[in-house]
Amino acid sequence: QVQLVESGGGLVQAGGSLRLSCAASGRTFSRYAMGWFRQAPGKERDFVSSIDLIGSNTRYANSVKGRFTISRDNAKKTVYLQMNSLKPEDAAVYYCAADPTSRFGFGPYDYWGQGTQVTVSA
């Protein structure tokens, strides 16, 4: 089992950048593909990005491709989401999640963090 804690959210102007972090507890972090998801008010939780066990394969939602970058540091048991050129429509609660089944993060994601709020002002 793994516990996940996100940080790095906040208020940023459109066009700005934020870097989210997700710190994991436990000794098996490197066995989990990791993902980022987001949920805006009144909307479903959507996939944002995922990364495989060693960080060599990544996937992105079309809406963030070219602006967001996912990475991981297995020694620090942390996954990151660098978000650049933020838009008001990127505002949401961002969640990280761990996938113990799929090497490349296709899910299912069994473990979730509490989320961190990202607000983007126009």
N, C-alpha and C. Protein backbone atom coordinates (compact mmCIF):
# COMPACT_ATOMS: atom_id res chain seq x y z
N GLN A 1 0.84 -1.18 0.00
CA GLN A 1 0.00 0.00 0.00
C GLN A 1 0.88 1.24 0.00
N VAL A 2 0.34 2.33 -0.52
CA VAL A 2 1.08 3.57 -0.59
C VAL A 2 0.15 4.72 -0.23
N GLN A 3 0.68 5.69 0.49
CA GLN A 3 -0.04 6.92 0.79
C GLN A 3 0.56 8.04 -0.04
N LEU A 4 -0.30 8.90 -0.54
CA LEU A 4 0.11 9.96 -1.46
C LEU A 4 -0.31 11.31 -0.93
N VAL A 5 0.61 12.28 -0.99
CA VAL A 5 0.31 13.63 -0.53
C VAL A 5 0.77 14.61 -1.59
N GLU A 6 -0.20 15.36 -2.13
CA GLU A 6 0.10 16.36 -3.15
C GLU A 6 0.43 17.71 -2.51
N SER A 7 1.20 18.49 -3.21
CA SER A 7 1.50 19.86 -2.80
C SER A 7 1.85 20.67 -4.03
N GLY A 8 1.90 21.99 -3.85
CA GLY A 8 2.33 22.86 -4.93
C GLY A 8 1.23 23.61 -5.64
N GLY A 9 -0.01 23.33 -5.27
CA GLY A 9 -1.10 24.08 -5.88
C GLY A 9 -1.13 25.51 -5.39
N GLY A 10 -1.98 26.30 -6.02
CA GLY A 10 -2.09 27.70 -5.62
C GLY A 10 -2.77 28.52 -6.68
N LEU A 11 -2.66 29.82 -6.53
CA LEU A 11 -3.26 30.78 -7.46
C LEU A 11 -2.18 31.31 -8.39
N VAL A 12 -2.46 31.28 -9.68
CA VAL A 12 -1.51 31.78 -10.66
C VAL A 12 -2.28 32.49 -11.76
N GLN A 13 -1.63 33.47 -12.37
CA GLN A 13 -2.25 34.16 -13.49
C GLN A 13 -2.17 33.30 -14.76
N ALA A 14 -3.09 33.52 -15.64
CA ALA A 14 -3.04 32.83 -16.93
C ALA A 14 -1.70 33.10 -17.60
N GLY A 15 -1.13 32.03 -18.15
CA GLY A 15 0.19 32.12 -18.76
C GLY A 15 1.32 31.76 -17.81
N GLY A 16 1.00 31.66 -16.54
CA GLY A 16 2.00 31.34 -15.54
C GLY A 16 2.26 29.85 -15.41
N SER A 17 3.08 29.51 -14.41
CA SER A 17 3.50 28.12 -14.22
C SER A 17 3.36 27.71 -12.76
N LEU A 18 3.15 26.44 -12.57
CA LEU A 18 3.17 25.82 -11.24
C LEU A 18 3.81 24.44 -11.38
N ARG A 19 4.41 23.99 -10.31
CA ARG A 19 4.89 22.60 -10.28
C ARG A 19 4.25 21.89 -9.11
N LEU A 20 3.50 20.87 -9.42
CA LEU A 20 2.89 20.04 -8.40
C LEU A 20 3.82 18.89 -8.03
N SER A 21 3.79 18.53 -6.77
CA SER A 21 4.55 17.39 -6.29
C SER A 21 3.60 16.41 -5.61
N CYS A 22 3.97 15.16 -5.67
CA CYS A 22 3.19 14.12 -4.99
C CYS A 22 4.19 13.21 -4.30
N ALA A 23 4.22 13.27 -2.99
CA ALA A 23 5.15 12.47 -2.21
C ALA A 23 4.46 11.19 -1.75
N ALA A 24 5.16 10.08 -1.91
CA ALA A 24 4.60 8.78 -1.55
C ALA A 24 5.31 8.22 -0.34
N SER A 25 4.57 7.52 0.46
CA SER A 25 5.16 6.78 1.57
C SER A 25 5.19 5.31 1.21
N GLY A 26 5.95 4.55 1.96
CA GLY A 26 6.07 3.13 1.66
C GLY A 26 7.34 2.85 0.87
N ARG A 27 7.66 1.57 0.76
CA ARG A 27 8.94 1.19 0.16
C ARG A 27 8.81 0.70 -1.28
N THR A 28 7.60 0.73 -1.82
CA THR A 28 7.40 0.14 -3.13
C THR A 28 7.02 1.15 -4.20
N PHE A 29 7.37 2.41 -4.03
CA PHE A 29 6.98 3.45 -4.97
C PHE A 29 7.37 3.11 -6.40
N SER A 30 8.56 2.56 -6.58
CA SER A 30 9.06 2.28 -7.93
C SER A 30 8.29 1.16 -8.62
N ARG A 31 7.41 0.49 -7.91
CA ARG A 31 6.58 -0.56 -8.51
C ARG A 31 5.26 -0.04 -9.06
N TYR A 32 4.99 1.27 -8.87
CA TYR A 32 3.73 1.85 -9.29
C TYR A 32 3.92 2.79 -10.47
N ALA A 33 3.14 2.59 -11.51
CA ALA A 33 2.98 3.67 -12.46
C ALA A 33 2.19 4.76 -11.75
N MET A 34 2.42 5.99 -12.15
CA MET A 34 1.78 7.12 -11.45
C MET A 34 1.01 7.99 -12.45
N GLY A 35 -0.01 8.61 -11.94
CA GLY A 35 -0.81 9.47 -12.80
C GLY A 35 -1.26 10.72 -12.08
N TRP A 36 -1.60 11.71 -12.88
CA TRP A 36 -2.23 12.93 -12.39
C TRP A 36 -3.61 13.04 -13.04
N PHE A 37 -4.56 13.43 -12.23
CA PHE A 37 -5.93 13.65 -12.67
C PHE A 37 -6.39 14.99 -12.15
N ARG A 38 -7.47 15.51 -12.70
CA ARG A 38 -8.00 16.77 -12.19
C ARG A 38 -9.52 16.76 -12.25
N GLN A 39 -10.08 17.53 -11.35
CA GLN A 39 -11.55 17.64 -11.30
C GLN A 39 -11.93 19.07 -11.04
N ALA A 40 -12.65 19.64 -11.98
CA ALA A 40 -13.18 20.99 -11.85
C ALA A 40 -14.57 20.90 -11.23
N PRO A 41 -15.04 21.99 -10.62
CA PRO A 41 -16.36 21.96 -9.99
C PRO A 41 -17.46 21.56 -10.98
N GLY A 42 -18.27 20.61 -10.56
CA GLY A 42 -19.39 20.18 -11.40
C GLY A 42 -19.01 19.27 -12.54
N LYS A 43 -17.74 18.87 -12.60
CA LYS A 43 -17.28 18.02 -13.70
C LYS A 43 -16.70 16.72 -13.15
N GLU A 44 -16.56 15.77 -14.05
CA GLU A 44 -15.97 14.50 -13.67
C GLU A 44 -14.45 14.64 -13.53
N ARG A 45 -13.87 13.69 -12.84
CA ARG A 45 -12.42 13.65 -12.72
C ARG A 45 -11.83 13.17 -14.04
N ASP A 46 -10.88 13.93 -14.56
CA ASP A 46 -10.30 13.63 -15.86
C ASP A 46 -8.83 13.26 -15.76
N PHE A 47 -8.40 12.40 -16.61
CA PHE A 47 -6.99 12.06 -16.75
C PHE A 47 -6.21 13.25 -17.27
N VAL A 48 -5.03 13.47 -16.68
CA VAL A 48 -4.14 14.52 -17.15
C VAL A 48 -2.87 13.94 -17.75
N SER A 49 -2.22 13.07 -16.97
CA SER A 49 -0.93 12.55 -17.42
C SER A 49 -0.58 11.30 -16.62
N SER A 50 0.27 10.47 -17.21
CA SER A 50 0.78 9.31 -16.47
C SER A 50 2.23 9.06 -16.85
N ILE A 51 2.89 8.29 -16.01
CA ILE A 51 4.30 7.97 -16.21
C ILE A 51 4.53 6.54 -15.76
N ASP A 52 5.40 5.85 -16.48
CA ASP A 52 5.62 4.44 -16.17
C ASP A 52 6.57 4.28 -14.98
N LEU A 53 6.92 3.04 -14.70
CA LEU A 53 7.65 2.72 -13.47
C LEU A 53 9.00 3.44 -13.37
N ILE A 54 9.68 3.60 -14.51
CA ILE A 54 11.03 4.16 -14.46
C ILE A 54 11.10 5.54 -15.10
N GLY A 55 9.96 6.07 -15.53
CA GLY A 55 9.94 7.42 -16.07
C GLY A 55 10.29 7.54 -17.53
N SER A 56 10.29 6.44 -18.25
CA SER A 56 10.68 6.49 -19.66
C SER A 56 9.51 6.61 -20.61
N ASN A 57 8.33 6.34 -20.14
CA ASN A 57 7.14 6.48 -20.98
C ASN A 57 6.12 7.36 -20.28
N THR A 58 5.64 8.35 -21.01
CA THR A 58 4.66 9.28 -20.46
C THR A 58 3.48 9.42 -21.41
N ARG A 59 2.35 9.77 -20.85
CA ARG A 59 1.15 10.03 -21.64
C ARG A 59 0.51 11.31 -21.14
N TYR A 60 -0.19 12.01 -22.05
CA TYR A 60 -0.82 13.27 -21.69
C TYR A 60 -2.20 13.35 -22.34
N ALA A 61 -3.10 14.02 -21.64
CA ALA A 61 -4.36 14.40 -22.27
C ALA A 61 -4.07 15.43 -23.35
N ASN A 62 -4.85 15.41 -24.39
CA ASN A 62 -4.62 16.35 -25.50
C ASN A 62 -4.67 17.79 -25.02
N SER A 63 -5.48 18.06 -24.03
CA SER A 63 -5.67 19.43 -23.57
C SER A 63 -4.43 20.01 -22.89
N VAL A 64 -3.51 19.15 -22.46
CA VAL A 64 -2.33 19.65 -21.75
C VAL A 64 -1.03 19.34 -22.49
N LYS A 65 -1.12 18.60 -23.56
CA LYS A 65 0.07 18.19 -24.30
C LYS A 65 0.85 19.42 -24.77
N GLY A 66 2.16 19.38 -24.52
CA GLY A 66 3.00 20.50 -24.91
C GLY A 66 3.11 21.58 -23.85
N ARG A 67 2.26 21.52 -22.84
CA ARG A 67 2.31 22.53 -21.76
C ARG A 67 2.69 21.91 -20.41
N PHE A 68 2.28 20.68 -20.19
CA PHE A 68 2.54 20.00 -18.92
C PHE A 68 3.60 18.93 -19.13
N THR A 69 4.39 18.69 -18.09
CA THR A 69 5.40 17.64 -18.12
C THR A 69 5.37 16.86 -16.82
N ILE A 70 5.23 15.57 -16.94
CA ILE A 70 5.26 14.69 -15.77
C ILE A 70 6.65 14.08 -15.64
N SER A 71 7.08 13.92 -14.41
CA SER A 71 8.36 13.28 -14.15
C SER A 71 8.30 12.60 -12.78
N ARG A 72 9.26 11.78 -12.51
CA ARG A 72 9.30 11.10 -11.21
C ARG A 72 10.74 10.93 -10.77
N ASP A 73 10.91 10.88 -9.46
CA ASP A 73 12.20 10.61 -8.85
C ASP A 73 11.98 9.46 -7.88
N ASN A 74 12.35 8.27 -8.28
CA ASN A 74 12.07 7.10 -7.44
C ASN A 74 12.87 7.12 -6.15
N ALA A 75 14.05 7.73 -6.17
CA ALA A 75 14.84 7.82 -4.94
C ALA A 75 14.14 8.69 -3.91
N LYS A 76 13.45 9.72 -4.38
CA LYS A 76 12.72 10.61 -3.48
C LYS A 76 11.27 10.19 -3.32
N LYS A 77 10.86 9.15 -4.03
CA LYS A 77 9.48 8.67 -3.97
C LYS A 77 8.50 9.80 -4.26
N THR A 78 8.77 10.53 -5.32
CA THR A 78 7.96 11.70 -5.65
C THR A 78 7.70 11.74 -7.15
N VAL A 79 6.49 12.14 -7.50
CA VAL A 79 6.15 12.40 -8.89
C VAL A 79 5.77 13.87 -9.01
N TYR A 80 6.12 14.46 -10.14
CA TYR A 80 5.92 15.89 -10.35
C TYR A 80 5.04 16.13 -11.57
N LEU A 81 4.41 17.29 -11.56
CA LEU A 81 3.70 17.75 -12.74
C LEU A 81 4.06 19.22 -12.93
N GLN A 82 4.91 19.49 -13.92
CA GLN A 82 5.26 20.85 -14.26
C GLN A 82 4.20 21.38 -15.22
N MET A 83 3.56 22.47 -14.84
CA MET A 83 2.46 23.03 -15.63
C MET A 83 2.86 24.43 -16.09
N ASN A 84 2.99 24.58 -17.39
CA ASN A 84 3.34 25.86 -17.98
C ASN A 84 2.19 26.40 -18.83
N SER A 85 2.26 27.68 -19.13
CA SER A 85 1.24 28.32 -19.98
C SER A 85 -0.16 27.98 -19.49
N LEU A 86 -0.36 28.14 -18.21
CA LEU A 86 -1.64 27.76 -17.62
C LEU A 86 -2.78 28.63 -18.16
N LYS A 87 -3.93 27.98 -18.29
CA LYS A 87 -5.13 28.63 -18.79
C LYS A 87 -6.22 28.57 -17.71
N PRO A 88 -7.19 29.46 -17.77
CA PRO A 88 -8.27 29.40 -16.78
C PRO A 88 -8.96 28.03 -16.76
N GLU A 89 -9.03 27.38 -17.90
CA GLU A 89 -9.68 26.06 -17.93
C GLU A 89 -8.85 24.96 -17.30
N ASP A 90 -7.62 25.25 -16.90
CA ASP A 90 -6.81 24.28 -16.16
C ASP A 90 -7.14 24.28 -14.67
N ALA A 91 -7.92 25.24 -14.23
CA ALA A 91 -8.26 25.33 -12.81
C ALA A 91 -9.06 24.11 -12.38
N ALA A 92 -8.62 23.49 -11.29
CA ALA A 92 -9.25 22.27 -10.82
C ALA A 92 -8.53 21.82 -9.55
N VAL A 93 -9.07 20.81 -8.92
CA VAL A 93 -8.32 20.09 -7.90
C VAL A 93 -7.54 19.00 -8.61
N TYR A 94 -6.25 18.97 -8.37
CA TYR A 94 -5.37 17.99 -9.02
C TYR A 94 -5.04 16.87 -8.04
N TYR A 95 -5.19 15.65 -8.52
CA TYR A 95 -4.93 14.47 -7.72
C TYR A 95 -3.83 13.63 -8.34
N CYS A 96 -2.96 13.11 -7.51
CA CYS A 96 -2.06 12.08 -8.01
C CYS A 96 -2.59 10.72 -7.58
N ALA A 97 -2.22 9.72 -8.33
CA ALA A 97 -2.72 8.38 -8.08
C ALA A 97 -1.67 7.35 -8.48
N ALA A 98 -1.74 6.20 -7.83
CA ALA A 98 -0.79 5.12 -8.08
C ALA A 98 -1.51 3.92 -8.69
N ASP A 99 -0.88 3.37 -9.70
CA ASP A 99 -1.42 2.23 -10.43
C ASP A 99 -0.51 1.02 -10.18
N PRO A 100 -0.97 0.06 -9.38
CA PRO A 100 -0.12 -1.08 -9.06
C PRO A 100 -0.19 -2.20 -10.10
N THR A 101 -1.01 -2.03 -11.12
CA THR A 101 -1.29 -3.12 -12.05
C THR A 101 -0.62 -2.94 -13.40
N SER A 102 -0.78 -1.78 -13.98
CA SER A 102 -0.29 -1.53 -15.33
C SER A 102 1.07 -0.86 -15.29
N ARG A 103 2.02 -1.41 -15.99
CA ARG A 103 3.37 -0.83 -16.03
C ARG A 103 3.36 0.60 -16.55
N PHE A 104 2.45 0.90 -17.47
CA PHE A 104 2.48 2.20 -18.14
C PHE A 104 1.38 3.14 -17.66
N GLY A 105 0.68 2.79 -16.62
CA GLY A 105 -0.30 3.70 -16.06
C GLY A 105 -1.64 3.72 -16.76
N PHE A 106 -2.02 2.59 -17.34
CA PHE A 106 -3.34 2.50 -17.95
C PHE A 106 -4.44 2.22 -16.94
N GLY A 107 -4.04 1.98 -15.72
CA GLY A 107 -5.01 1.75 -14.65
C GLY A 107 -5.35 0.29 -14.47
N PRO A 108 -6.18 0.02 -13.48
CA PRO A 108 -6.84 0.99 -12.61
C PRO A 108 -5.92 1.58 -11.56
N TYR A 109 -6.27 2.76 -11.12
CA TYR A 109 -5.53 3.45 -10.09
C TYR A 109 -6.18 3.15 -8.74
N ASP A 110 -5.44 2.51 -7.90
CA ASP A 110 -6.01 2.04 -6.64
C ASP A 110 -5.77 2.99 -5.47
N TYR A 111 -4.79 3.85 -5.58
CA TYR A 111 -4.43 4.73 -4.47
C TYR A 111 -4.45 6.17 -4.95
N TRP A 112 -5.04 7.02 -4.10
CA TRP A 112 -5.24 8.42 -4.48
C TRP A 112 -4.81 9.34 -3.35
N GLY A 113 -4.30 10.51 -3.73
CA GLY A 113 -4.03 11.54 -2.76
C GLY A 113 -5.28 12.35 -2.48
N GLN A 114 -5.13 13.34 -1.62
CA GLN A 114 -6.27 14.17 -1.21
C GLN A 114 -6.53 15.30 -2.19
N GLY A 115 -5.56 15.62 -3.01
CA GLY A 115 -5.74 16.66 -4.00
C GLY A 115 -5.14 17.99 -3.58
N THR A 116 -4.81 18.79 -4.57
CA THR A 116 -4.32 20.14 -4.34
C THR A 116 -4.99 21.08 -5.33
N GLN A 117 -5.42 22.22 -4.84
CA GLN A 117 -6.22 23.15 -5.66
C GLN A 117 -5.31 24.00 -6.54
N VAL A 118 -5.67 24.09 -7.79
CA VAL A 118 -5.01 24.99 -8.73
C VAL A 118 -6.05 25.98 -9.23
N THR A 119 -5.77 27.25 -9.06
CA THR A 119 -6.67 28.32 -9.51
C THR A 119 -5.90 29.18 -10.49
N VAL A 120 -6.51 29.45 -11.63
CA VAL A 120 -5.87 30.25 -12.67
C VAL A 120 -6.76 31.45 -12.95
N SER A 121 -6.21 32.62 -12.73
CA SER A 121 -6.96 33.85 -12.98
C SER A 121 -6.73 34.33 -14.40
N ALA A 122 -7.76 34.86 -14.98
CA ALA A 122 -7.68 35.32 -16.37
C ALA A 122 -6.92 36.64 -16.49
